[in-house]
Amino acid sequence: MTPLSPIPRFPLSRLLLTLGCLGAGAALVSAGETEWPQFRGPTGEGISHATDVPVKWSATEGVAWQVEVPGKGWSSPVLHQGRIYLTSAETDATSGDVTLHALCFDARNGHTLWDTEVIKPDPAQVAAMHRKNSPASPTPIVTNDRVYVHFGHMGTAALDLAGQVLWRQTELNYPPTHGNGGSPVLLGDELIFSADGSKDPCVIALDAKTGALRWKTPRNSPAKKQFSFSTPLVIEVGGTQEVISPGPGFVGAYDPKDGHEMWRVGYGEGYSVVPRPVFAHGLLYLSSGFDKATFYAIKPEGAKGDATATNVAWTQPKGAPHTPSAVVVGDEVYFVSDAGIATCANAVTGEVYWNERLGGNFSSSPVVADGRIYFVNESGVGYVVKASKTYELLATNDLAEHTLASPAVADGALYLRTESHLWKIGK
């Protein structure tokens, strides 16, 4: 772990932000409809309270601006106080060396405000990568005074809002499978993430102020394949905070104070688990991963030890996603399979109201705004569906560029990262 940093390419005066870091039982507290400070938004569950969000757009219509993003990465955009943050892996044209960067854009016009080299990894750390992954897939977190960026086994860092690196942690190496994937969650003064590689999977907490290791908890997973890529979610049950982290073979709840496992629910040989859990109606909603996914609704209240036999409320194997996370609106839960089958079910009972084929393959997680579900497939086609027990497709919108990143919603606009560009859809 090193405390020093290079000077950012585009210096910017230090910004003063007003977003608080945490609310009880939630990952981050929104300062309003202008904020999208972490993966899947203010609570980490894909819900926006923004209004006047566009329904129809294309690569040439309804676009406020479009800018090229240097390098390669599938981290999703996050926003705070009119600034957009991303990570990217940039390759030197002469040496071929990869460097890992944090970038900041002006949300008004897409102008680059700064681009900071954060970590220069060993080339061997970058080599093993799945075709649907990148060296910069985890999504940043923005608080009132910091940006946290995570690159899995290659390291984690904190920057101030002018792009100056405050600390970097590169000592927690683990053997990845297919590269990185899961993003961290911030809880108080802890930055928590999964480190589920090819062996010895675990959950890790860093001191958010310094980057020092707080705790490291082994998974002790029975699964034959030990790797996963999920992002934790913090919930509150009976006044107690729990870090919910799906991994290979089971989903576990961890005590944020010391990392000990509080309970677990197993899902057999599930591995390569990607979807982030969501929490509503006293239930956790998540998928079990490859090879055959099952969608689970789990009741964390009263869970102790191995709660597989006692705390599963319902399951749904049909149309369960391997990669996209779910979203809950009112009494319904919505999810889309990687093959493009969208489902609406009763969130409490699991009764399925509809299954509909959208189009193409899906990796990004849906978001909700203005009573509509926004699904985006890997070809850059956005499907806008009414949040209802009756299926109603409102629009199909094609950006004609490959994407795996999840949308951000803020200030009446959608922000989408595609293979080469960052887009603002809206005014």
Protein backbone atom coordinates (compact mmCIF):
# COMPACT_ATOMS: atom_id res chain seq x y z
CA MET A 1 0.00 0.00 0.00
CA THR A 2 1.43 3.37 -1.03
CA PRO A 3 0.20 6.85 -0.08
CA LEU A 4 1.59 8.90 -2.98
CA SER A 5 0.28 9.55 -6.47
CA PRO A 6 1.02 11.06 -9.86
CA ILE A 7 -0.36 14.47 -10.77
CA PRO A 8 -3.58 14.13 -12.79
CA ARG A 9 -3.35 15.05 -16.47
CA PHE A 10 -6.09 17.66 -16.22
CA PRO A 11 -5.76 19.46 -12.85
CA LEU A 12 -9.04 20.57 -11.32
CA SER A 13 -9.62 22.60 -8.20
CA ARG A 14 -10.83 20.53 -5.31
CA LEU A 15 -14.60 20.07 -5.42
CA LEU A 16 -16.78 20.32 -2.33
CA LEU A 17 -19.59 17.81 -2.39
CA THR A 18 -22.47 17.38 0.01
CA LEU A 19 -23.37 13.70 -0.30
CA GLY A 20 -23.22 11.81 2.99
CA CYS A 21 -21.44 8.48 2.96
CA LEU A 22 -23.99 6.19 4.55
CA GLY A 23 -27.46 5.80 5.90
CA ALA A 24 -28.40 3.06 8.31
CA GLY A 25 -28.87 -0.16 6.41
CA ALA A 26 -28.20 1.36 2.97
CA ALA A 27 -25.02 1.67 0.99
CA LEU A 28 -25.17 5.39 0.31
CA VAL A 29 -27.73 8.13 0.94
CA SER A 30 -28.88 10.10 -2.08
CA ALA A 31 -28.69 13.87 -1.88
CA GLY A 32 -31.51 14.00 -4.40
CA GLU A 33 -32.44 12.99 -7.89
CA THR A 34 -29.14 14.34 -9.25
CA GLU A 35 -27.05 11.62 -7.60
CA TRP A 36 -25.98 8.14 -8.70
CA PRO A 37 -22.97 7.57 -6.45
CA GLN A 38 -22.29 3.82 -6.78
CA PHE A 39 -23.09 0.74 -8.84
CA ARG A 40 -26.89 0.64 -9.30
CA GLY A 41 -27.51 4.03 -7.74
CA PRO A 42 -28.11 5.55 -4.30
CA THR A 43 -29.18 2.33 -2.55
CA GLY A 44 -27.36 -0.02 -4.92
CA GLU A 45 -30.64 -1.51 -6.14
CA GLY A 46 -31.27 0.23 -9.46
CA ILE A 47 -33.92 2.70 -8.27
CA SER A 48 -34.03 6.34 -9.37
CA HIS A 49 -36.46 9.03 -8.23
CA ALA A 50 -35.54 11.30 -11.12
CA THR A 51 -38.38 12.55 -13.30
CA ASP A 52 -38.67 13.38 -17.00
CA VAL A 53 -36.29 10.55 -17.89
CA PRO A 54 -36.33 9.96 -21.68
CA VAL A 55 -38.37 7.12 -23.13
CA LYS A 56 -37.20 7.27 -26.74
CA TRP A 57 -33.75 7.85 -28.22
CA SER A 58 -31.31 6.59 -30.86
CA ALA A 59 -27.67 7.15 -31.78
CA THR A 60 -28.69 10.39 -33.49
CA GLU A 61 -31.83 11.53 -31.66
CA GLY A 62 -32.39 12.45 -28.04
CA VAL A 63 -28.63 12.57 -27.35
CA ALA A 64 -27.48 15.55 -25.25
CA TRP A 65 -23.85 14.64 -25.92
CA GLN A 66 -21.57 11.74 -26.78
CA VAL A 67 -17.84 11.62 -25.97
CA GLU A 68 -15.10 9.10 -26.60
CA VAL A 69 -13.69 7.34 -23.54
CA PRO A 70 -9.99 6.43 -23.74
CA GLY A 71 -8.92 2.85 -23.11
CA LYS A 72 -11.13 -0.09 -22.27
CA GLY A 73 -13.43 -0.76 -19.36
CA TRP A 74 -16.90 -1.88 -18.34
CA SER A 75 -17.27 0.05 -15.09
CA SER A 76 -20.62 1.81 -15.01
CA PRO A 77 -20.84 5.61 -14.72
CA VAL A 78 -21.47 7.18 -11.32
CA LEU A 79 -22.51 10.78 -10.77
CA HIS A 80 -22.26 13.34 -8.03
CA GLN A 81 -22.75 17.12 -8.07
CA GLY A 82 -22.62 17.33 -11.85
CA ARG A 83 -19.55 15.14 -12.29
CA ILE A 84 -19.31 11.67 -13.85
CA TYR A 85 -16.66 9.16 -12.76
CA LEU A 86 -15.42 6.08 -14.60
CA THR A 87 -12.41 3.79 -14.65
CA SER A 88 -10.53 2.58 -17.69
CA ALA A 89 -7.53 0.49 -18.71
CA GLU A 90 -5.34 2.43 -21.12
CA THR A 91 -2.66 0.79 -23.26
CA ASP A 92 0.62 2.48 -24.19
CA ALA A 93 0.94 2.44 -27.98
CA THR A 94 4.70 1.89 -27.84
CA SER A 95 5.29 -0.54 -24.96
CA GLY A 96 1.87 -2.20 -24.88
CA ASP A 97 1.80 -1.76 -21.10
CA VAL A 98 -1.60 -1.30 -19.47
CA THR A 99 -2.25 1.37 -16.87
CA LEU A 100 -5.42 1.64 -14.79
CA HIS A 101 -7.08 5.05 -14.70
CA ALA A 102 -9.81 7.01 -12.97
CA LEU A 103 -11.57 9.63 -15.11
CA CYS A 104 -13.87 12.55 -14.37
CA PHE A 105 -16.26 14.20 -16.86
CA ASP A 106 -18.49 17.26 -16.71
CA ALA A 107 -22.08 16.00 -16.84
CA ARG A 108 -23.24 19.18 -18.59
CA ASN A 109 -21.18 18.71 -21.74
CA GLY A 110 -19.07 15.55 -21.41
CA HIS A 111 -15.76 17.43 -21.23
CA THR A 112 -12.93 15.55 -19.53
CA LEU A 113 -11.99 17.27 -16.28
CA TRP A 114 -9.18 14.92 -15.31
CA ASP A 115 -7.67 11.54 -16.12
CA THR A 116 -5.40 10.06 -13.46
CA GLU A 117 -3.17 7.01 -13.73
CA VAL A 118 -3.91 5.09 -10.53
CA ILE A 119 -2.14 1.72 -10.85
CA LYS A 120 0.38 0.24 -13.26
CA PRO A 121 -0.15 -3.52 -12.87
CA ASP A 122 2.20 -6.32 -13.76
CA PRO A 123 1.33 -7.38 -17.34
CA ALA A 124 0.72 -10.93 -16.08
CA GLN A 125 -2.12 -9.61 -13.89
CA VAL A 126 -3.92 -8.20 -16.92
CA ALA A 127 -3.51 -11.17 -19.26
CA ALA A 128 -6.19 -13.62 -18.08
CA MET A 129 -9.44 -11.92 -19.07
CA HIS A 130 -12.85 -13.21 -20.15
CA ARG A 131 -14.18 -11.77 -23.42
CA LYS A 132 -17.04 -10.15 -21.47
CA ASN A 133 -14.69 -8.63 -18.91
CA SER A 134 -12.07 -5.89 -18.80
CA PRO A 135 -9.26 -4.80 -16.47
CA ALA A 136 -11.57 -1.96 -15.35
CA SER A 137 -15.00 -3.55 -14.79
CA PRO A 138 -15.78 -2.65 -11.12
CA THR A 139 -17.72 0.60 -10.70
CA PRO A 140 -16.36 3.49 -8.58
CA ILE A 141 -17.97 4.94 -5.45
CA VAL A 142 -18.25 8.70 -4.91
CA THR A 143 -18.70 10.33 -1.48
CA ASN A 144 -18.60 13.89 -0.20
CA ASP A 145 -14.84 14.14 -0.66
CA ARG A 146 -13.49 10.96 -2.28
CA VAL A 147 -13.69 8.62 -5.23
CA TYR A 148 -12.94 4.96 -4.53
CA VAL A 149 -11.81 2.84 -7.46
CA HIS A 150 -11.35 -0.91 -7.44
CA PHE A 151 -9.52 -3.17 -9.89
CA GLY A 152 -9.94 -6.52 -8.15
CA HIS A 153 -6.70 -8.47 -7.72
CA MET A 154 -4.72 -5.56 -9.22
CA GLY A 155 -5.55 -3.14 -6.45
CA THR A 156 -7.85 -0.54 -4.92
CA ALA A 157 -7.36 3.20 -4.43
CA ALA A 158 -8.94 6.39 -3.11
CA LEU A 159 -8.68 9.75 -4.87
CA ASP A 160 -9.79 13.20 -3.88
CA LEU A 161 -12.26 14.96 -6.14
CA ALA A 162 -9.47 16.78 -7.98
CA GLY A 163 -8.07 13.43 -9.13
CA GLN A 164 -5.14 13.17 -6.69
CA VAL A 165 -4.51 9.65 -5.38
CA LEU A 166 -4.72 9.58 -1.57
CA TRP A 167 -3.87 5.91 -1.09
CA ARG A 168 -3.55 2.74 -3.07
CA GLN A 169 -3.70 -0.84 -1.81
CA THR A 170 -1.93 -3.34 -4.10
CA GLU A 171 -0.82 -5.95 -1.57
CA LEU A 172 -3.95 -8.13 -1.47
CA ASN A 173 -3.25 -10.29 -4.48
CA TYR A 174 -5.37 -13.34 -5.26
CA PRO A 175 -5.55 -15.64 -8.30
CA PRO A 176 -8.46 -14.40 -10.45
CA THR A 177 -10.52 -16.38 -12.92
CA HIS A 178 -11.55 -14.35 -15.98
CA GLY A 179 -10.34 -11.11 -14.34
CA ASN A 180 -12.35 -8.73 -12.14
CA GLY A 181 -16.02 -8.01 -11.90
CA GLY A 182 -17.61 -7.14 -8.56
CA SER A 183 -17.66 -3.59 -7.24
CA PRO A 184 -17.09 -2.60 -3.60
CA VAL A 185 -19.61 -1.24 -1.12
CA LEU A 186 -18.86 1.55 1.36
CA LEU A 187 -20.15 1.19 4.90
CA GLY A 188 -19.07 3.92 7.31
CA ASP A 189 -15.27 3.87 7.24
CA GLU A 190 -15.00 0.44 5.59
CA LEU A 191 -14.69 -0.40 1.91
CA ILE A 192 -15.92 -4.00 1.48
CA PHE A 193 -15.63 -6.30 -1.55
CA SER A 194 -15.47 -9.95 -2.50
CA ALA A 195 -12.22 -11.57 -3.63
CA ASP A 196 -13.55 -14.80 -5.10
CA GLY A 197 -10.76 -16.10 -7.31
CA SER A 198 -9.74 -19.55 -8.46
CA LYS A 199 -8.93 -20.62 -4.91
CA ASP A 200 -9.31 -19.42 -1.32
CA PRO A 201 -12.28 -17.08 -1.99
CA CYS A 202 -12.92 -14.49 0.70
CA VAL A 203 -14.59 -11.21 1.62
CA ILE A 204 -12.33 -8.24 2.45
CA ALA A 205 -12.79 -4.92 4.26
CA LEU A 206 -10.33 -2.05 3.94
CA ASP A 207 -10.05 1.05 6.08
CA ALA A 208 -11.61 3.66 3.78
CA LYS A 209 -9.37 6.40 5.17
CA THR A 210 -6.03 4.65 4.68
CA GLY A 211 -6.53 1.50 2.57
CA ALA A 212 -5.21 -0.74 5.37
CA LEU A 213 -6.73 -4.19 5.78
CA ARG A 214 -9.49 -4.28 8.42
CA TRP A 215 -10.58 -7.91 8.07
CA LYS A 216 -10.50 -10.83 5.66
CA THR A 217 -13.01 -13.68 5.97
CA PRO A 218 -12.60 -16.98 4.12
CA ARG A 219 -15.66 -18.23 2.27
CA ASN A 220 -15.17 -21.89 3.20
CA SER A 221 -17.22 -22.74 0.13
CA PRO A 222 -18.20 -26.31 -0.76
CA ALA A 223 -18.45 -25.45 -4.48
CA LYS A 224 -16.04 -27.16 -6.87
CA LYS A 225 -15.50 -23.93 -8.77
CA GLN A 226 -14.51 -21.17 -6.39
CA PHE A 227 -14.80 -17.95 -8.40
CA SER A 228 -17.53 -15.30 -8.45
CA PHE A 229 -17.95 -11.59 -9.25
CA SER A 230 -20.79 -10.23 -7.16
CA THR A 231 -21.09 -6.84 -5.47
CA PRO A 232 -22.12 -6.81 -1.77
CA LEU A 233 -25.23 -5.08 -0.47
CA VAL A 234 -25.63 -3.70 3.05
CA ILE A 235 -29.01 -4.28 4.70
CA GLU A 236 -30.43 -3.78 8.17
CA VAL A 237 -32.33 -6.55 9.93
CA GLY A 238 -33.72 -6.02 13.42
CA GLY A 239 -31.46 -3.00 13.93
CA THR A 240 -28.34 -4.92 12.90
CA GLN A 241 -26.36 -4.21 9.75
CA GLU A 242 -25.41 -7.16 7.57
CA VAL A 243 -23.14 -7.27 4.54
CA ILE A 244 -24.79 -9.59 2.01
CA SER A 245 -22.23 -11.08 -0.36
CA PRO A 246 -23.11 -13.85 -2.84
CA GLY A 247 -20.21 -16.14 -3.64
CA PRO A 248 -19.47 -19.61 -4.97
CA GLY A 249 -21.92 -22.15 -3.58
CA PHE A 250 -23.80 -19.84 -1.20
CA VAL A 251 -24.79 -16.32 -0.26
CA GLY A 252 -23.39 -15.19 3.07
CA ALA A 253 -24.20 -12.44 5.57
CA TYR A 254 -21.18 -10.89 7.27
CA ASP A 255 -20.83 -8.72 10.36
CA PRO A 256 -19.22 -5.46 9.20
CA LYS A 257 -17.50 -4.98 12.57
CA ASP A 258 -15.19 -7.99 12.28
CA GLY A 259 -16.27 -9.85 9.15
CA HIS A 260 -17.50 -13.03 10.80
CA GLU A 261 -20.13 -15.00 8.91
CA MET A 262 -23.57 -14.52 10.47
CA TRP A 263 -25.55 -16.94 8.28
CA ARG A 264 -25.54 -18.52 4.85
CA VAL A 265 -27.97 -20.00 2.33
CA GLY A 266 -26.52 -22.53 -0.08
CA TYR A 267 -27.35 -22.97 -3.75
CA GLY A 268 -25.39 -26.12 -4.55
CA GLU A 269 -22.65 -25.85 -7.14
CA GLY A 270 -23.50 -22.31 -8.23
CA TYR A 271 -20.39 -20.36 -9.21
CA SER A 272 -19.39 -17.29 -11.25
CA VAL A 273 -22.15 -15.44 -9.42
CA VAL A 274 -22.50 -11.89 -10.76
CA PRO A 275 -25.87 -10.24 -9.87
CA ARG A 276 -25.94 -7.83 -6.95
CA PRO A 277 -28.68 -8.66 -4.40
CA VAL A 278 -31.66 -6.36 -3.84
CA PHE A 279 -33.67 -6.12 -0.62
CA ALA A 280 -37.39 -5.39 -0.32
CA HIS A 281 -40.42 -6.75 1.54
CA GLY A 282 -38.03 -8.26 4.07
CA LEU A 283 -36.56 -10.49 1.34
CA LEU A 284 -33.28 -10.68 -0.53
CA TYR A 285 -33.47 -11.34 -4.27
CA LEU A 286 -30.48 -12.87 -6.06
CA SER A 287 -29.38 -15.55 -8.52
CA SER A 288 -27.26 -18.64 -7.97
CA GLY A 289 -24.92 -18.31 -10.97
CA PHE A 290 -23.63 -20.85 -13.47
CA ASP A 291 -24.17 -23.44 -14.81
CA LYS A 292 -27.94 -23.30 -14.35
CA ALA A 293 -29.14 -20.24 -12.48
CA THR A 294 -32.04 -20.21 -10.03
CA PHE A 295 -33.60 -16.97 -8.79
CA TYR A 296 -33.93 -16.88 -4.99
CA ALA A 297 -36.02 -14.91 -2.51
CA ILE A 298 -34.44 -15.31 0.93
CA LYS A 299 -35.69 -14.10 4.30
CA PRO A 300 -32.73 -12.82 6.36
CA GLU A 301 -34.76 -12.21 9.52
CA GLY A 302 -34.10 -14.99 12.00
CA ALA A 303 -31.41 -16.59 9.82
CA LYS A 304 -28.64 -18.34 11.76
CA GLY A 305 -25.82 -20.62 10.66
CA ASP A 306 -26.79 -22.62 7.60
CA ALA A 307 -30.29 -21.31 6.89
CA THR A 308 -30.78 -23.07 3.55
CA ALA A 309 -33.60 -25.28 4.82
CA THR A 310 -35.42 -22.59 6.79
CA ASN A 311 -35.09 -19.15 5.19
CA VAL A 312 -35.73 -19.58 1.46
CA ALA A 313 -39.12 -17.97 0.75
CA TRP A 314 -39.39 -19.04 -2.89
CA THR A 315 -37.31 -19.89 -5.96
CA GLN A 316 -37.78 -19.49 -9.72
CA PRO A 317 -35.52 -21.38 -12.14
CA LYS A 318 -37.21 -20.15 -15.33
CA GLY A 319 -35.59 -17.07 -16.84
CA ALA A 320 -33.17 -16.57 -13.94
CA PRO A 321 -30.25 -14.27 -14.80
CA HIS A 322 -26.60 -15.27 -14.65
CA THR A 323 -25.35 -11.68 -14.97
CA PRO A 324 -27.97 -8.87 -14.65
CA SER A 325 -29.26 -7.91 -11.21
CA ALA A 326 -32.97 -7.68 -10.41
CA VAL A 327 -35.08 -4.67 -9.47
CA VAL A 328 -38.14 -4.37 -7.23
CA VAL A 329 -40.90 -1.84 -7.91
CA GLY A 330 -43.83 -1.84 -5.51
CA ASP A 331 -44.99 -5.42 -5.02
CA GLU A 332 -43.28 -6.77 -8.15
CA VAL A 333 -39.76 -7.99 -8.86
CA TYR A 334 -38.36 -7.73 -12.38
CA PHE A 335 -35.36 -9.51 -13.87
CA VAL A 336 -33.99 -10.44 -17.28
CA SER A 337 -32.02 -13.54 -18.22
CA ASP A 338 -28.76 -13.31 -20.13
CA ALA A 339 -30.67 -14.66 -23.14
CA GLY A 340 -33.17 -11.80 -23.01
CA ILE A 341 -36.22 -13.28 -21.25
CA ALA A 342 -37.72 -10.57 -19.01
CA THR A 343 -39.85 -11.64 -16.06
CA CYS A 344 -42.27 -9.90 -13.70
CA ALA A 345 -43.23 -11.77 -10.54
CA ASN A 346 -44.93 -11.11 -7.24
CA ALA A 347 -42.09 -10.14 -4.94
CA VAL A 348 -43.59 -11.83 -1.88
CA THR A 349 -45.00 -15.07 -3.32
CA GLY A 350 -43.00 -15.56 -6.50
CA GLU A 351 -46.10 -15.86 -8.68
CA VAL A 352 -45.05 -15.04 -12.24
CA TYR A 353 -47.19 -12.44 -14.00
CA TRP A 354 -45.35 -12.45 -17.31
CA ASN A 355 -42.31 -13.73 -19.21
CA GLU A 356 -41.46 -11.88 -22.40
CA ARG A 357 -38.57 -12.15 -24.82
CA LEU A 358 -36.88 -8.84 -25.45
CA GLY A 359 -34.06 -9.10 -27.97
CA GLY A 360 -30.38 -10.02 -27.89
CA ASN A 361 -28.21 -10.96 -24.93
CA PHE A 362 -28.04 -9.08 -21.62
CA SER A 363 -25.29 -8.34 -19.11
CA SER A 364 -26.14 -4.89 -17.74
CA SER A 365 -28.54 -4.53 -14.81
CA PRO A 366 -31.89 -2.77 -15.33
CA VAL A 367 -32.82 0.53 -13.69
CA VAL A 368 -36.18 2.03 -12.74
CA ALA A 369 -37.34 5.62 -13.23
CA ASP A 370 -40.73 7.26 -13.69
CA GLY A 371 -42.55 3.93 -13.30
CA ARG A 372 -40.57 2.36 -16.14
CA ILE A 373 -37.96 -0.39 -16.31
CA TYR A 374 -34.95 0.33 -18.52
CA PHE A 375 -33.25 -2.79 -19.89
CA VAL A 376 -30.16 -2.44 -22.13
CA ASN A 377 -28.81 -5.40 -24.10
CA GLU A 378 -25.23 -6.10 -25.17
CA SER A 379 -25.80 -4.55 -28.62
CA GLY A 380 -26.72 -1.21 -27.08
CA VAL A 381 -30.47 -1.58 -27.56
CA GLY A 382 -32.53 -0.13 -24.73
CA TYR A 383 -35.98 -1.56 -23.98
CA VAL A 384 -38.32 0.61 -21.94
CA VAL A 385 -41.06 -1.43 -20.25
CA LYS A 386 -43.89 -0.19 -18.06
CA ALA A 387 -43.56 -1.32 -14.44
CA SER A 388 -46.78 -3.29 -14.30
CA LYS A 389 -48.23 -6.76 -13.79
CA THR A 390 -49.28 -6.49 -17.44
CA TYR A 391 -46.46 -6.43 -19.99
CA GLU A 392 -46.25 -3.20 -22.01
CA LEU A 393 -43.22 -2.34 -24.15
CA LEU A 394 -43.04 1.45 -24.42
CA ALA A 395 -39.99 1.88 -26.68
CA THR A 396 -37.02 0.15 -28.30
CA ASN A 397 -33.95 2.38 -28.65
CA ASP A 398 -30.74 1.49 -30.50
CA LEU A 399 -27.36 3.15 -29.86
CA ALA A 400 -25.70 0.66 -32.26
CA GLU A 401 -22.66 0.11 -30.06
CA HIS A 402 -21.72 -2.85 -27.86
CA THR A 403 -22.15 -2.41 -24.10
CA LEU A 404 -21.95 -4.43 -20.89
CA ALA A 405 -22.11 -1.52 -18.43
CA SER A 406 -25.25 -0.65 -16.46
CA PRO A 407 -27.05 2.69 -16.96
CA ALA A 408 -26.96 5.57 -14.50
CA VAL A 409 -29.92 7.89 -14.01
CA ALA A 410 -29.68 11.44 -12.72
CA ASP A 411 -31.21 14.86 -13.28
CA GLY A 412 -33.71 13.63 -15.84
CA ALA A 413 -31.12 11.91 -18.02
CA LEU A 414 -29.70 8.46 -18.72
CA TYR A 415 -25.93 8.01 -18.80
CA LEU A 416 -24.73 5.01 -20.79
CA ARG A 417 -21.23 3.66 -21.32
CA THR A 418 -20.69 1.74 -24.54
CA GLU A 419 -17.54 0.14 -25.89
CA SER A 420 -15.92 3.42 -26.96
CA HIS A 421 -18.18 6.21 -25.74
CA LEU A 422 -20.03 7.79 -22.86
CA TRP A 423 -23.53 9.06 -23.70
CA LYS A 424 -25.96 11.44 -22.05
CA ILE A 425 -29.51 10.70 -23.18
CA GLY A 426 -31.84 13.58 -22.40
CA LYS A 427 -31.75 17.34 -22.22
